[in-house]
C-alpha cells in the first residue's frame, strides 16, 4: 500500500518549486495536492506585504523518488483553476526561501513585545 512510503528507496528529502499558483491557494491545498507522494515535510508560500501569496511555493517531500513522480504527474494540473508548474528548487531559491522565512517569522508566531522600560514610571 501507500502507507509507510518513507521506507521506499530514494528517501532523501527534495524541495519542489511550485509555480503559477492561484492567489487563493492555501497550505492545506498544497498538502492535499502532494499527500499521495509521501510525507510533506514543509510547505512555504511566500507572501507580499499585503498578505497575498506571490504566486509560487516551496513544498518539501520526504522522498526524492516520490517527489520526482509528483513533478511528472502534477505538471500542468489545475489547482484552483490554474495549471501549476513544478521543478526542483534551485540553490539560490533556497537562500531566498530562508530570507523570506526570517522576514515573515514574526507574522507566523506573534510574540508579545517586551514592556517599555519606563512602563513603571508611566504608570506611577
PDB file of N, CA and C in Angstrom:
ATOM      1  N   UNK A   1       0.810  -1.193   0.000  1.00  0.00           N
ATOM      2  CA  UNK A   1       0.000   0.000   0.000  1.00  0.00           C
ATOM      3  C   UNK A   1       0.845   1.245   0.000  1.00  0.00           C
ATOM      4  N   UNK A   2       0.192   2.421   0.041  1.00  0.00           N
ATOM      5  CA  UNK A   2       0.892   3.688   0.028  1.00  0.00           C
ATOM      6  C   UNK A   2       1.299   4.145   1.405  1.00  0.00           C
ATOM      7  N   UNK A   3       0.976   3.357   2.428  1.00  0.00           N
ATOM      8  CA  UNK A   3       1.329   3.759   3.783  1.00  0.00           C
ATOM      9  C   UNK A   3       2.767   3.355   4.049  1.00  0.00           C
ATOM     10  N   UNK A   4       3.480   4.170   4.797  1.00  0.00           N
ATOM     11  CA  UNK A   4       4.867   3.858   5.124  1.00  0.00           C
ATOM     12  C   UNK A   4       5.812   4.093   3.968  1.00  0.00           C
ATOM     13  N   UNK A   5       5.528   5.085   3.137  1.00  0.00           N
ATOM     14  CA  UNK A   5       6.345   5.347   1.959  1.00  0.00           C
ATOM     15  C   UNK A   5       7.753   5.824   2.298  1.00  0.00           C
ATOM     16  N   UNK A   6       7.987   6.194   3.538  1.00  0.00           N
ATOM     17  CA  UNK A   6       9.323   6.674   3.923  1.00  0.00           C
ATOM     18  C   UNK A   6      10.361   5.583   3.676  1.00  0.00           C
ATOM     19  N   UNK A   7       9.958   4.310   3.775  1.00  0.00           N
ATOM     20  CA  UNK A   7      10.874   3.200   3.563  1.00  0.00           C
ATOM     21  C   UNK A   7      11.207   2.936   2.109  1.00  0.00           C
ATOM     22  N   UNK A   8      10.520   3.584   1.159  1.00  0.00           N
ATOM     23  CA  UNK A   8      10.777   3.394  -0.261  1.00  0.00           C
ATOM     24  C   UNK A   8      12.134   4.003  -0.583  1.00  0.00           C
ATOM     25  N   UNK A   9      12.863   3.441  -1.572  1.00  0.00           N
ATOM     26  CA  UNK A   9      14.185   3.946  -1.934  1.00  0.00           C
ATOM     27  C   UNK A   9      14.164   5.420  -2.300  1.00  0.00           C
ATOM     28  N   UNK A  10      15.339   6.054  -2.283  1.00  0.00           N
ATOM     29  CA  UNK A  10      15.424   7.479  -2.601  1.00  0.00           C
ATOM     30  C   UNK A  10      14.846   8.326  -1.492  1.00  0.00           C
ATOM     31  N   UNK A  11      15.128   7.922  -0.255  1.00  0.00           N
ATOM     32  CA  UNK A  11      14.470   8.538   0.883  1.00  0.00           C
ATOM     33  C   UNK A  11      14.965   9.900   1.307  1.00  0.00           C
ATOM     34  N   UNK A  12      15.867  10.516   0.538  1.00  0.00           N
ATOM     35  CA  UNK A  12      16.306  11.852   0.945  1.00  0.00           C
ATOM     36  C   UNK A  12      15.246  12.877   0.536  1.00  0.00           C
ATOM     37  N   UNK A  13      15.048  13.889   1.371  1.00  0.00           N
ATOM     38  CA  UNK A  13      14.025  14.898   1.051  1.00  0.00           C
ATOM     39  C   UNK A  13      14.349  15.673  -0.218  1.00  0.00           C
ATOM     40  N   UNK A  14      13.326  16.161  -0.891  1.00  0.00           N
ATOM     41  CA  UNK A  14      13.503  17.011  -2.074  1.00  0.00           C
ATOM     42  C   UNK A  14      12.545  18.194  -1.956  1.00  0.00           C
ATOM     43  N   UNK A  15      13.065  19.384  -2.291  1.00  0.00           N
ATOM     44  CA  UNK A  15      12.248  20.589  -2.259  1.00  0.00           C
ATOM     45  C   UNK A  15      11.813  20.907  -3.686  1.00  0.00           C
ATOM     46  N   UNK A  16      10.514  21.064  -3.863  1.00  0.00           N
ATOM     47  CA  UNK A  16       9.965  21.404  -5.178  1.00  0.00           C
ATOM     48  C   UNK A  16       9.524  22.857  -5.202  1.00  0.00           C
ATOM     49  N   UNK A  17       9.798  23.500  -6.331  1.00  0.00           N
ATOM     50  CA  UNK A  17       9.265  24.835  -6.589  1.00  0.00           C
ATOM     51  C   UNK A  17       7.939  24.616  -7.293  1.00  0.00           C
ATOM     52  N   UNK A  18       6.863  25.215  -6.766  1.00  0.00           N
ATOM     53  CA  UNK A  18       5.532  25.108  -7.354  1.00  0.00           C
ATOM     54  C   UNK A  18       5.153  26.500  -7.835  1.00  0.00           C
ATOM     55  N   UNK A  19       5.027  26.665  -9.143  1.00  0.00           N
ATOM     56  CA  UNK A  19       4.758  27.974  -9.712  1.00  0.00           C
ATOM     57  C   UNK A  19       3.354  28.106 -10.273  1.00  0.00           C
ATOM     58  N   UNK A  20       3.021  29.330 -10.661  1.00  0.00           N
ATOM     59  CA  UNK A  20       1.725  29.676 -11.257  1.00  0.00           C
ATOM     60  C   UNK A  20       0.565  29.375 -10.313  1.00  0.00           C
ATOM     61  N   UNK A  21       0.765  29.677  -9.034  1.00  0.00           N
ATOM     62  CA  UNK A  21      -0.289  29.412  -8.052  1.00  0.00           C
ATOM     63  C   UNK A  21      -1.367  30.482  -8.075  1.00  0.00           C
ATOM     64  N   UNK A  22      -2.574  30.054  -7.832  1.00  0.00           N
ATOM     65  CA  UNK A  22      -3.685  30.977  -7.632  1.00  0.00           C
ATOM     66  C   UNK A  22      -3.443  31.749  -6.342  1.00  0.00           C
ATOM     67  N   UNK A  23      -3.916  32.992  -6.302  1.00  0.00           N
ATOM     68  CA  UNK A  23      -3.778  33.805  -5.092  1.00  0.00           C
ATOM     69  C   UNK A  23      -4.567  33.210  -3.931  1.00  0.00           C
ATOM     70  N   UNK A  24      -5.515  32.309  -4.226  1.00  0.00           N
ATOM     71  CA  UNK A  24      -6.360  31.727  -3.173  1.00  0.00           C
ATOM     72  C   UNK A  24      -5.797  30.432  -2.583  1.00  0.00           C
ATOM     73  N   UNK A  25      -4.708  29.911  -3.149  1.00  0.00           N
ATOM     74  CA  UNK A  25      -4.164  28.638  -2.674  1.00  0.00           C
ATOM     75  C   UNK A  25      -3.666  28.773  -1.235  1.00  0.00           C
ATOM     76  N   UNK A  26      -4.000  27.765  -0.422  1.00  0.00           N
ATOM     77  CA  UNK A  26      -3.571  27.734   0.981  1.00  0.00           C
ATOM     78  C   UNK A  26      -2.578  26.600   1.190  1.00  0.00           C
ATOM     79  N   UNK A  27      -1.941  26.594   2.364  1.00  0.00           N
ATOM     80  CA  UNK A  27      -1.051  25.488   2.727  1.00  0.00           C
ATOM     81  C   UNK A  27      -1.809  24.162   2.638  1.00  0.00           C
ATOM     82  N   UNK A  28      -3.039  24.168   3.119  1.00  0.00           N
ATOM     83  CA  UNK A  28      -3.847  22.944   3.132  1.00  0.00           C
ATOM     84  C   UNK A  28      -4.061  22.415   1.716  1.00  0.00           C
ATOM     85  N   UNK A  29      -4.302  23.315   0.764  1.00  0.00           N
ATOM     86  CA  UNK A  29      -4.485  22.901  -0.635  1.00  0.00           C
ATOM     87  C   UNK A  29      -3.240  22.173  -1.143  1.00  0.00           C
ATOM     88  N   UNK A  30      -2.074  22.713  -0.816  1.00  0.00           N
ATOM     89  CA  UNK A  30      -0.832  22.097  -1.285  1.00  0.00           C
ATOM     90  C   UNK A  30      -0.561  20.781  -0.576  1.00  0.00           C
ATOM     91  N   UNK A  31      -0.830  20.725   0.737  1.00  0.00           N
ATOM     92  CA  UNK A  31      -0.663  19.457   1.456  1.00  0.00           C
ATOM     93  C   UNK A  31      -1.524  18.375   0.809  1.00  0.00           C
ATOM     94  N   UNK A  32      -2.767  18.729   0.454  1.00  0.00           N
ATOM     95  CA  UNK A  32      -3.669  17.755  -0.158  1.00  0.00           C
ATOM     96  C   UNK A  32      -3.179  17.348  -1.547  1.00  0.00           C
ATOM     97  N   UNK A  33      -2.704  18.314  -2.344  1.00  0.00           N
ATOM     98  CA  UNK A  33      -2.243  18.022  -3.700  1.00  0.00           C
ATOM     99  C   UNK A  33      -1.061  17.051  -3.701  1.00  0.00           C
ATOM    100  N   UNK A  34      -0.194  17.150  -2.683  1.00  0.00           N
ATOM    101  CA  UNK A  34       1.015  16.330  -2.654  1.00  0.00           C
ATOM    102  C   UNK A  34       0.915  15.135  -1.702  1.00  0.00           C
ATOM    103  N   UNK A  35      -0.202  14.962  -1.030  1.00  0.00           N
ATOM    104  CA  UNK A  35      -0.342  13.923   0.000  1.00  0.00           C
ATOM    105  C   UNK A  35      -0.078  12.513  -0.516  1.00  0.00           C
ATOM    106  N   UNK A  36      -0.415  12.232  -1.754  1.00  0.00           N
ATOM    107  CA  UNK A  36      -0.228  10.869  -2.255  1.00  0.00           C
ATOM    108  C   UNK A  36       1.212  10.615  -2.707  1.00  0.00           C
ATOM    109  N   UNK A  37       2.104  11.596  -2.510  1.00  0.00           N
ATOM    110  CA  UNK A  37       3.510  11.437  -2.890  1.00  0.00           C
ATOM    111  C   UNK A  37       4.413  11.418  -1.665  1.00  0.00           C
ATOM    112  N   UNK A  38       3.947  10.800  -0.615  1.00  0.00           N
ATOM    113  CA  UNK A  38       4.763  10.704   0.593  1.00  0.00           C
ATOM    114  C   UNK A  38       4.461  11.836   1.555  1.00  0.00           C
ATOM    115  N   UNK A  39       5.303  11.914   2.574  1.00  0.00           N
ATOM    116  CA  UNK A  39       5.077  12.888   3.637  1.00  0.00           C
ATOM    117  C   UNK A  39       5.533  14.269   3.189  1.00  0.00           C
ATOM    118  N   UNK A  40       4.652  15.255   3.365  1.00  0.00           N
ATOM    119  CA  UNK A  40       5.020  16.649   3.104  1.00  0.00           C
ATOM    120  C   UNK A  40       5.673  17.159   4.388  1.00  0.00           C
ATOM    121  N   UNK A  41       6.983  17.391   4.318  1.00  0.00           N
ATOM    122  CA  UNK A  41       7.728  17.841   5.494  1.00  0.00           C
ATOM    123  C   UNK A  41       7.448  19.315   5.759  1.00  0.00           C
ATOM    124  N   UNK A  42       7.385  20.096   4.678  1.00  0.00           N
ATOM    125  CA  UNK A  42       7.250  21.542   4.835  1.00  0.00           C
ATOM    126  C   UNK A  42       6.572  22.125   3.608  1.00  0.00           C
ATOM    127  N   UNK A  43       5.848  23.190   3.835  1.00  0.00           N
ATOM    128  CA  UNK A  43       5.172  23.886   2.744  1.00  0.00           C
ATOM    129  C   UNK A  43       5.286  25.387   3.016  1.00  0.00           C
ATOM    130  N   UNK A  44       5.959  26.099   2.129  1.00  0.00           N
ATOM    131  CA  UNK A  44       6.126  27.550   2.292  1.00  0.00           C
ATOM    132  C   UNK A  44       5.437  28.259   1.143  1.00  0.00           C
ATOM    133  N   UNK A  45       4.621  29.242   1.453  1.00  0.00           N
ATOM    134  CA  UNK A  45       4.009  30.089   0.433  1.00  0.00           C
ATOM    135  C   UNK A  45       4.427  31.529   0.737  1.00  0.00           C
ATOM    136  N   UNK A  46       5.465  32.037   0.056  1.00  0.00           N
ATOM    137  CA  UNK A  46       5.899  33.412   0.310  1.00  0.00           C
ATOM    138  C   UNK A  46       4.773  34.398   0.017  1.00  0.00           C
ATOM    139  N   UNK A  47       4.665  35.417   0.859  1.00  0.00           N
ATOM    140  CA  UNK A  47       3.602  36.395   0.691  1.00  0.00           C
ATOM    141  C   UNK A  47       4.175  37.798   0.514  1.00  0.00           C
ATOM    142  N   UNK A  48       3.410  38.626  -0.181  1.00  0.00           N
ATOM    143  CA  UNK A  48       3.763  40.029  -0.378  1.00  0.00           C
ATOM    144  C   UNK A  48       3.314  40.814   0.849  1.00  0.00           C
ATOM    145  N   UNK A  49       3.644  42.097   0.884  1.00  0.00           N
ATOM    146  CA  UNK A  49       3.308  42.928   2.053  1.00  0.00           C
ATOM    147  C   UNK A  49       1.822  42.929   2.360  1.00  0.00           C
ATOM    148  N   UNK A  50       0.976  42.901   1.330  1.00  0.00           N
ATOM    149  CA  UNK A  50      -0.470  42.918   1.548  1.00  0.00           C
ATOM    150  C   UNK A  50      -1.022  41.596   2.068  1.00  0.00           C
ATOM    151  N   UNK A  51      -0.189  40.572   2.127  1.00  0.00           N
ATOM    152  CA  UNK A  51      -0.623  39.278   2.631  1.00  0.00           C
ATOM    153  C   UNK A  51      -0.974  38.268   1.546  1.00  0.00           C
ATOM    154  N   UNK A  52      -1.101  38.723   0.293  1.00  0.00           N
ATOM    155  CA  UNK A  52      -1.412  37.799  -0.806  1.00  0.00           C
ATOM    156  C   UNK A  52      -0.163  36.992  -1.144  1.00  0.00           C
ATOM    157  N   UNK A  53      -0.358  35.740  -1.588  1.00  0.00           N
ATOM    158  CA  UNK A  53       0.819  34.952  -1.949  1.00  0.00           C
ATOM    159  C   UNK A  53       1.430  35.496  -3.238  1.00  0.00           C
ATOM    160  N   UNK A  54       2.724  35.190  -3.425  1.00  0.00           N
ATOM    161  CA  UNK A  54       3.465  35.717  -4.572  1.00  0.00           C
ATOM    162  C   UNK A  54       3.310  34.853  -5.816  1.00  0.00           C
ATOM    163  N   UNK A  55       2.431  33.850  -5.766  1.00  0.00           N
ATOM    164  CA  UNK A  55       2.177  33.028  -6.949  1.00  0.00           C
ATOM    165  C   UNK A  55       3.069  31.808  -7.065  1.00  0.00           C
ATOM    166  N   UNK A  56       3.840  31.524  -6.010  1.00  0.00           N
ATOM    167  CA  UNK A  56       4.658  30.308  -6.004  1.00  0.00           C
ATOM    168  C   UNK A  56       4.808  29.807  -4.582  1.00  0.00           C
ATOM    169  N   UNK A  57       5.309  28.579  -4.472  1.00  0.00           N
ATOM    170  CA  UNK A  57       5.506  27.973  -3.151  1.00  0.00           C
ATOM    171  C   UNK A  57       6.665  26.999  -3.229  1.00  0.00           C
ATOM    172  N   UNK A  58       7.141  26.585  -2.059  1.00  0.00           N
ATOM    173  CA  UNK A  58       8.141  25.527  -1.953  1.00  0.00           C
ATOM    174  C   UNK A  58       7.526  24.415  -1.122  1.00  0.00           C
ATOM    175  N   UNK A  59       7.534  23.209  -1.671  1.00  0.00           N
ATOM    176  CA  UNK A  59       6.988  22.050  -0.962  1.00  0.00           C
ATOM    177  C   UNK A  59       8.124  21.052  -0.794  1.00  0.00           C
ATOM    178  N   UNK A  60       8.400  20.653   0.453  1.00  0.00           N
ATOM    179  CA  UNK A  60       9.451  19.675   0.731  1.00  0.00           C
ATOM    180  C   UNK A  60       8.806  18.326   0.975  1.00  0.00           C
ATOM    181  N   UNK A  61       9.157  17.352   0.132  1.00  0.00           N
ATOM    182  CA  UNK A  61       8.661  15.980   0.289  1.00  0.00           C
ATOM    183  C   UNK A  61       9.773  15.124   0.875  1.00  0.00           C
ATOM    184  N   UNK A  62       9.385  14.155   1.704  1.00  0.00           N
ATOM    185  CA  UNK A  62      10.364  13.346   2.433  1.00  0.00           C
ATOM    186  C   UNK A  62      11.129  12.377   1.537  1.00  0.00           C
ATOM    187  N   UNK A  63      10.613  12.082   0.339  1.00  0.00           N
ATOM    188  CA  UNK A  63      11.207  11.052  -0.510  1.00  0.00           C
ATOM    189  C   UNK A  63      11.456  11.620  -1.905  1.00  0.00           C
ATOM    190  N   UNK A  64      12.717  11.655  -2.328  1.00  0.00           N
ATOM    191  CA  UNK A  64      13.061  12.285  -3.608  1.00  0.00           C
ATOM    192  C   UNK A  64      12.479  11.540  -4.809  1.00  0.00           C
ATOM    193  N   UNK A  65      12.368  10.207  -4.722  1.00  0.00           N
ATOM    194  CA  UNK A  65      11.786   9.455  -5.852  1.00  0.00           C
ATOM    195  C   UNK A  65      10.301   9.786  -6.002  1.00  0.00           C
ATOM    196  N   UNK A  66       9.597   9.871  -4.897  1.00  0.00           N
ATOM    197  CA  UNK A  66       8.178  10.220  -4.959  1.00  0.00           C
ATOM    198  C   UNK A  66       8.004  11.676  -5.391  1.00  0.00           C
ATOM    199  N   UNK A  67       8.937  12.542  -4.985  1.00  0.00           N
ATOM    200  CA  UNK A  67       8.884  13.946  -5.403  1.00  0.00           C
ATOM    201  C   UNK A  67       9.065  14.042  -6.918  1.00  0.00           C
ATOM    202  N   UNK A  68       9.987  13.246  -7.467  1.00  0.00           N
ATOM    203  CA  UNK A  68      10.199  13.229  -8.919  1.00  0.00           C
ATOM    204  C   UNK A  68       8.928  12.752  -9.632  1.00  0.00           C
ATOM    205  N   UNK A  69       8.256  11.771  -9.052  1.00  0.00           N
ATOM    206  CA  UNK A  69       6.998  11.283  -9.615  1.00  0.00           C
ATOM    207  C   UNK A  69       5.924  12.375  -9.549  1.00  0.00           C
ATOM    208  N   UNK A  70       5.884  13.104  -8.452  1.00  0.00           N
ATOM    209  CA  UNK A  70       4.924  14.199  -8.303  1.00  0.00           C
ATOM    210  C   UNK A  70       5.150  15.252  -9.386  1.00  0.00           C
ATOM    211  N   UNK A  71       6.432  15.542  -9.686  1.00  0.00           N
ATOM    212  CA  UNK A  71       6.740  16.533 -10.726  1.00  0.00           C
ATOM    213  C   UNK A  71       6.162  16.091 -12.069  1.00  0.00           C
ATOM    214  N   UNK A  72       6.283  14.801 -12.370  1.00  0.00           N
ATOM    215  CA  UNK A  72       5.737  14.284 -13.635  1.00  0.00           C
ATOM    216  C   UNK A  72       4.210  14.320 -13.627  1.00  0.00           C
ATOM    217  N   UNK A  73       3.622  13.817 -12.555  1.00  0.00           N
ATOM    218  CA  UNK A  73       2.164  13.657 -12.503  1.00  0.00           C
ATOM    219  C   UNK A  73       1.406  14.968 -12.377  1.00  0.00           C
ATOM    220  N   UNK A  74       1.962  15.929 -11.650  1.00  0.00           N
ATOM    221  CA  UNK A  74       1.218  17.147 -11.331  1.00  0.00           C
ATOM    222  C   UNK A  74       1.564  18.341 -12.225  1.00  0.00           C
ATOM    223  N   UNK A  75       2.552  18.160 -13.110  1.00  0.00           N
ATOM    224  CA  UNK A  75       2.939  19.246 -14.020  1.00  0.00           C
ATOM    225  C   UNK A  75       1.735  19.663 -14.862  1.00  0.00           C
ATOM    226  N   UNK A  76       1.333  20.919 -14.767  1.00  0.00           N
ATOM    227  CA  UNK A  76       0.219  21.421 -15.568  1.00  0.00           C
ATOM    228  C   UNK A  76      -1.167  21.088 -15.022  1.00  0.00           C
ATOM    229  N   UNK A  77      -1.223  20.412 -13.878  1.00  0.00           N
ATOM    230  CA  UNK A  77      -2.521  20.077 -13.276  1.00  0.00           C
ATOM    231  C   UNK A  77      -3.137  21.343 -12.685  1.00  0.00           C
ATOM    232  N   UNK A  78      -4.437  21.513 -12.853  1.00  0.00           N
ATOM    233  CA  UNK A  78      -5.115  22.689 -12.316  1.00  0.00           C
ATOM    234  C   UNK A  78      -5.300  22.586 -10.809  1.00  0.00           C
ATOM    235  N   UNK A  79      -4.800  23.592 -10.120  1.00  0.00           N
ATOM    236  CA  UNK A  79      -5.048  23.751  -8.688  1.00  0.00           C
ATOM    237  C   UNK A  79      -5.703  25.117  -8.553  1.00  0.00           C
ATOM    238  N   UNK A  80      -6.927  25.157  -8.091  1.00  0.00           N
ATOM    239  CA  UNK A  80      -7.712  26.401  -8.013  1.00  0.00           C
ATOM    240  C   UNK A  80      -7.778  27.082  -9.387  1.00  0.00           C
ATOM    241  N   UNK A  81      -8.061  26.287 -10.418  1.00  0.00           N
ATOM    242  CA  UNK A  81      -8.267  26.785 -11.790  1.00  0.00           C
ATOM    243  C   UNK A  81      -7.028  27.356 -12.465  1.00  0.00           C
ATOM    244  N   UNK A  82      -5.836  27.052 -11.935  1.00  0.00           N
ATOM    245  CA  UNK A  82      -4.605  27.480 -12.611  1.00  0.00           C
ATOM    246  C   UNK A  82      -3.678  26.276 -12.757  1.00  0.00           C
ATOM    247  N   UNK A  83      -3.107  26.062 -13.959  1.00  0.00           N
ATOM    248  CA  UNK A  83      -2.175  24.941 -14.147  1.00  0.00           C
ATOM    249  C   UNK A  83      -0.836  25.225 -13.467  1.00  0.00           C
ATOM    250  N   UNK A  84      -0.477  24.400 -12.496  1.00  0.00           N
ATOM    251  CA  UNK A  84       0.768  24.644 -11.757  1.00  0.00           C
ATOM    252  C   UNK A  84       1.977  24.153 -12.551  1.00  0.00           C
ATOM    253  N   UNK A  85       3.113  24.751 -12.274  1.00  0.00           N
ATOM    254  CA  UNK A  85       4.379  24.305 -12.845  1.00  0.00           C
ATOM    255  C   UNK A  85       5.235  23.783 -11.695  1.00  0.00           C
ATOM    256  N   UNK A  86       5.997  22.737 -11.966  1.00  0.00           N
ATOM    257  CA  UNK A  86       6.816  22.110 -10.926  1.00  0.00           C
ATOM    258  C   UNK A  86       8.236  21.887 -11.415  1.00  0.00           C
ATOM    259  N   UNK A  87       9.184  22.101 -10.520  1.00  0.00           N
ATOM    260  CA  UNK A  87      10.586  21.755 -10.764  1.00  0.00           C
ATOM    261  C   UNK A  87      11.298  21.683  -9.424  1.00  0.00           C
ATOM    262  N   UNK A  88      12.513  21.147  -9.462  1.00  0.00           N
ATOM    263  CA  UNK A  88      13.320  21.152  -8.236  1.00  0.00           C
ATOM    264  C   UNK A  88      13.679  22.582  -7.902  1.00  0.00           C
ATOM    265  N   UNK A  89      13.738  22.878  -6.617  1.00  0.00           N
ATOM    266  CA  UNK A  89      14.122  24.225  -6.205  1.00  0.00           C
ATOM    267  C   UNK A  89      15.597  24.446  -6.520  1.00  0.00           C
ATOM    268  N   UNK A  90      15.915  25.602  -7.079  1.00  0.00           N
ATOM    269  CA  UNK A  90      17.299  25.955  -7.393  1.00  0.00           C
ATOM    270  C   UNK A  90      18.024  26.383  -6.118  1.00  0.00           C
ATOM    271  N   UNK A  91      19.348  26.302  -6.139  1.00  0.00           N
ATOM    272  CA  UNK A  91      20.160  26.641  -4.959  1.00  0.00           C
ATOM    273  C   UNK A  91      19.900  28.069  -4.476  1.00  0.00           C
ATOM    274  N   UNK A  92      19.835  29.041  -5.405  1.00  0.00           N
ATOM    275  CA  UNK A  92      19.631  30.430  -4.986  1.00  0.00           C
ATOM    276  C   UNK A  92      18.240  30.622  -4.395  1.00  0.00           C
ATOM    277  N   UNK A  93      17.271  29.786  -4.785  1.00  0.00           N
ATOM    278  CA  UNK A  93      15.935  29.882  -4.215  1.00  0.00           C
ATOM    279  C   UNK A  93      15.922  29.405  -2.763  1.00  0.00           C
ATOM    280  N   UNK A  94      16.840  28.512  -2.414  1.00  0.00           N
ATOM    281  CA  UNK A  94      16.933  28.056  -1.026  1.00  0.00           C
ATOM    282  C   UNK A  94      17.291  29.238  -0.137  1.00  0.00           C
ATOM    283  N   UNK A  95      18.209  30.077  -0.626  1.00  0.00           N
ATOM    284  CA  UNK A  95      18.618  31.251   0.142  1.00  0.00           C
ATOM    285  C   UNK A  95      17.453  32.236   0.250  1.00  0.00           C
ATOM    286  N   UNK A  96      16.749  32.474  -0.862  1.00  0.00           N
ATOM    287  CA  UNK A  96      15.594  33.375  -0.849  1.00  0.00           C
ATOM    288  C   UNK A  96      14.540  32.869   0.112  1.00  0.00           C
ATOM    289  N   UNK A  97      14.347  31.565   0.109  1.00  0.00           N
ATOM    290  CA  UNK A  97      13.350  30.954   0.972  1.00  0.00           C
ATOM    291  C   UNK A  97      13.693  31.200   2.443  1.00  0.00           C
ATOM    292  N   UNK A  98      14.980  31.045   2.795  1.00  0.00           N
ATOM    293  CA  UNK A  98      15.400  31.281   4.183  1.00  0.00           C
ATOM    294  C   UNK A  98      15.225  32.752   4.549  1.00  0.00           C
ATOM    295  N   UNK A  99      15.556  33.652   3.610  1.00  0.00           N
ATOM    296  CA  UNK A  99      15.399  35.088   3.877  1.00  0.00           C
ATOM    297  C   UNK A  99      13.934  35.416   4.103  1.00  0.00           C
ATOM    298  N   UNK A 100      13.065  34.859   3.269  1.00  0.00           N
ATOM    299  CA  UNK A 100      11.634  35.118   3.405  1.00  0.00           C
ATOM    300  C   UNK A 100      11.119  34.575   4.732  1.00  0.00           C
ATOM    301  N   UNK A 101      11.624  33.411   5.140  1.00  0.00           N
ATOM    302  CA  UNK A 101      11.199  32.818   6.411  1.00  0.00           C
ATOM    303  C   UNK A 101      11.595  33.731   7.572  1.00  0.00           C
ATOM    304  N   UNK A 102      12.799  34.323   7.481  1.00  0.00           N
ATOM    305  CA  UNK A 102      13.231  35.237   8.545  1.00  0.00           C
ATOM    306  C   UNK A 102      12.337  36.470   8.583  1.00  0.00           C
ATOM    307  N   UNK A 103      12.022  37.019   7.392  1.00  0.00           N
ATOM    308  CA  UNK A 103      11.193  38.226   7.326  1.00  0.00           C
ATOM    309  C   UNK A 103       9.798  37.976   7.872  1.00  0.00           C
ATOM    310  N   UNK A 104       9.242  36.804   7.579  1.00  0.00           N
ATOM    311  CA  UNK A 104       7.850  36.555   7.958  1.00  0.00           C
ATOM    312  C   UNK A 104       7.727  35.803   9.280  1.00  0.00           C
ATOM    313  N   UNK A 105       8.867  35.578   9.951  1.00  0.00           N
ATOM    314  CA  UNK A 105       8.833  34.803  11.199  1.00  0.00           C
ATOM    315  C   UNK A 105       7.878  35.420  12.213  1.00  0.00           C
ATOM    316  N   UNK A 106       7.934  36.752  12.354  1.00  0.00           N
ATOM    317  CA  UNK A 106       7.077  37.431  13.321  1.00  0.00           C
ATOM    318  C   UNK A 106       5.599  37.245  13.003  1.00  0.00           C
ATOM    319  N   UNK A 107       5.252  37.142  11.731  1.00  0.00           N
ATOM    320  CA  UNK A 107       3.854  37.011  11.338  1.00  0.00           C
ATOM    321  C   UNK A 107       3.311  35.626  11.688  1.00  0.00           C
ATOM    322  N   UNK A 108       4.187  34.608  11.653  1.00  0.00           N
ATOM    323  CA  UNK A 108       3.726  33.250  11.917  1.00  0.00           C
ATOM    324  C   UNK A 108       3.521  32.980  13.403  1.00  0.00           C
ATOM    325  N   UNK A 109       4.442  33.468  14.215  1.00  0.00           N
ATOM    326  CA  UNK A 109       4.364  33.232  15.657  1.00  0.00           C
ATOM    327  C   UNK A 109       4.419  34.577  16.370  1.00  0.00           C
ATOM    328  N   UNK A 110       3.282  35.222  16.505  1.00  0.00           N
ATOM    329  CA  UNK A 110       3.317  36.547  17.137  1.00  0.00           C
ATOM    330  C   UNK A 110       3.785  36.452  18.586  1.00  0.00           C
ATOM    331  N   UNK A 111       4.710  37.303  18.928  1.00  0.00           N
ATOM    332  CA  UNK A 111       5.198  37.356  20.312  1.00  0.00           C
ATOM    333  C   UNK A 111       4.796  38.698  20.894  1.00  0.00           C
ATOM    334  N   UNK A 112       4.512  38.699  22.173  1.00  0.00           N
ATOM    335  CA  UNK A 112       4.202  39.959  22.842  1.00  0.00           C
ATOM    336  C   UNK A 112       5.484  40.784  22.886  1.00  0.00           C
ATOM    337  N   UNK A 113       5.416  42.055  22.533  1.00  0.00           N
ATOM    338  CA  UNK A 113       6.640  42.872  22.598  1.00  0.00           C
ATOM    339  C   UNK A 113       7.051  43.051  24.060  1.00  0.00           C
ATOM    340  N   UNK A 114       8.339  43.225  24.319  1.00  0.00           N
ATOM    341  CA  UNK A 114       8.759  43.433  25.707  1.00  0.00           C
ATOM    342  C   UNK A 114       8.159  44.738  26.229  1.00  0.00           C
ATOM    343  N   UNK A 115       7.822  44.782  27.489  1.00  0.00           N
ATOM    344  CA  UNK A 115       7.229  46.015  28.024  1.00  0.00           C
ATOM    345  C   UNK A 115       8.257  47.141  27.964  1.00  0.00           C
ATOM    346  N   UNK A 116       7.817  48.376  27.735  1.00  0.00           N
ATOM    347  CA  UNK A 116       8.768  49.503  27.721  1.00  0.00           C
ATOM    348  C   UNK A 116       9.453  49.607  29.078  1.00  0.00           C
ATOM    349  N   UNK A 117      10.698  50.041  29.061  1.00  0.00           N
ATOM    350  CA  UNK A 117      11.475  50.100  30.313  1.00  0.00           C
ATOM    351  C   UNK A 117      10.904  51.112  31.281  1.00  0.00           C
ATOM    352  N   UNK A 118      10.274  52.142  30.760  1.00  0.00           N
ATOM    353  CA  UNK A 118       9.736  53.172  31.642  1.00  0.00           C
ATOM    354  C   UNK A 118       8.253  52.963  31.920  1.00  0.00           C
ATOM    355  N   UNK A 119       7.756  51.739  31.731  1.00  0.00           N
ATOM    356  CA  UNK A 119       6.339  51.449  31.960  1.00  0.00           C
ATOM    357  C   UNK A 119       5.962  51.698  33.425  1.00  0.00           C
ATOM    358  N   UNK A 120       6.833  51.325  34.316  1.00  0.00           N
ATOM    359  CA  UNK A 120       6.549  51.518  35.741  1.00  0.00           C
ATOM    360  C   UNK A 120       6.454  53.020  36.059  1.00  0.00           C
ATOM    361  N   UNK A 121       7.330  53.789  35.459  1.00  0.00           N
ATOM    362  CA  UNK A 121       7.321  55.239  35.686  1.00  0.00           C
ATOM    363  C   UNK A 121       6.085  55.877  35.077  1.00  0.00           C
ATOM    364  N   UNK A 122       5.676  55.375  33.894  1.00  0.00           N
ATOM    365  CA  UNK A 122       4.498  55.945  33.227  1.00  0.00           C
ATOM    366  C   UNK A 122       3.228  55.612  34.012  1.00  0.00           C
ATOM    367  N   UNK A 123       3.206  54.444  34.663  1.00  0.00           N
ATOM    368  CA  UNK A 123       2.017  54.010  35.402  1.00  0.00           C
ATOM    369  C   UNK A 123       1.897  54.760  36.730  1.00  0.00           C
ATOM    370  N   UNK A 124       3.032  55.245  37.256  1.00  0.00           N
ATOM    371  CA  UNK A 124       3.031  55.902  38.577  1.00  0.00           C
ATOM    372  C   UNK A 124       2.445  57.293  38.524  1.00  0.00           C
TER     373      UNK A 124
END
